[in-house]
Amino acid sequence: MAALQSRMTTALASRSSRQMLRSLEPIPSSASLVDFSSNDYLSFSRSPSLRSKLLSALSSSPSAPPSPYGPPSSRLLDGNSSHHLSLEAHLSAFFRAEAGLLFNSGFDANAGLWACLPGPDDWILFDQLVHASIHDGMRASRVAKDRRRAFKHNKLEDLERTLAEIVQSDGGVRKGEKSVWVGIESLYSMDGDLAPLKEVVELVERLLPLGNGHLVVDEAHSTGLYGPQGRGLVCALGLANRVTARVHTFGKAMACSGGHIPRYAPADALDEPAVVLSSPLIRSYLINYARPLIYSTVMPYMNVLAIEKSLETLEDGEGDPAAAHVHHLASTLISRLSSFLTPSSSVSLPAHLLPPLYPSFSLSQVHPSTSPIIPLLTPFPRPLSAFLREKGFLVRPITYPTVPVGEERVRVCLHAGNTVEEVEALAEGIRTWVQRDERERMEEAARTRAKL
């Protein structure tokens, strides 16, 4: 026991000395801080109508389950209720997929899918910024490490180069006897940028014309925000029939997580229900080989009903004006920040959000489609987030290992419940901090010169 305690104490002390130590903080009071942190993009967690729908379904619906708790069994034993099957059918129809399979969390869905679908002779290509759950799944797969290759984030030329090398070197791939799996996210949770999804699909189809290229898209952060009635980026671009599988989660814009509705949760900190959308064959394969599904107690009825009611809210069109407001807030905040942040500031915007004023730093001369996630790049994420909290805004510092060393940031998440006035006040708070930091640096430089 002494050796174990020593090892763990040393590891935690190392993290603490590098300001990397994680801890579980109490949830801040909703009355004291404006939420710019949680993933509650559509503010469904605060929707009176959605709450009323769920409570009504629990108490009076003739189709409601006998209890919001349970079933206390795995899906393959006694947990496969008609309510779970009905929800899967509803989700498949809504997201325009052939079949769907529920998982207890997005982490389970990604880990289970990537662990069992690729075969030992297949290849895996993945964007370097994909979620940790995808990495865990790939490591648990039968695909050797040297056959799992990352490509630079959102860089089509790097994906094409890597895929072309595989096609050239592996005759089985050229003949269509081996598969190449490509993993991306539609909206990346830390950078807030969208994948060039249509171009990725076209590239994979062009280099693998025999149909042995399989694109898997994690739509966790795009659900509810893009496409008709919030169906996600794949549906927005009309690509539902051209990707092998999609993962949609319900703990962000749809506000269904763990049987309750969290408001202030760090990014990706909570398990959330999810569905894998694919073909009936892949669904059957996952039922037989996806270990997180096989060896877990089934999703409780409470979650099933909560997802059903959130889904109905999207279908009714209630999410569309909320999503439009979020995109308007994003455009407003980017415009305000761009008026005073520069690439040399102590706080800066990522390259995909820089205006044409700084073309040498920008990846594009036009703004991409907006997202609710706006990263503030800074080497001082903790002081900045603490300053903004004092001003009444809840934002979170994001550091290594969540993001690479040197790419620390404060992550701003916008919600339908935020107002333009709150966004403008946040921008003014950031301006105040930057001006104070620059003034302190100038004073320090003056003191240094005076000593020479």
Foldseek 3Di string as FASTA:
>chain_A
DVVVVVVVVVVQVVCVVVVNHDDDDPDDDPVQFDEQFALQAAVPQVDPVLVVQLVCLQPPDPPADPHLFDPFAACVPPGVDPLQVVLQVVLCVVLVFATKDKFQFLLLVLLLLLAEDAAQPAAEEEAPQDDPSNVNNVVNHNHDPVRYYYFYHLDPVRVLVVLLVCCVPDVCQVVLNYAYEYEDEQAGQAQRDGHPVVSVLVSQCVSRVVPRYAYEYEFASQALQADQLRSGDCNNVPNNVRHAKYKYWQCGNLQQFPLHGDDRDHPPPGGTMIMIGHHPVSVVSSCVRRVSNRPDGDDGSSSSSSSVSSSVCSVVVVSVVFSVLLQVLQVLLLVLLQVPADPPFQWHWQQLSHECVCVVSHPDNDHDRGGQKTWTFHPPQPVLQVQVVVVRHHWDWDAPPSPDPRRTTIITGHHSPDDSVVSVVSSVSNVVVRVVVVVVVVVVVVVVVVVD
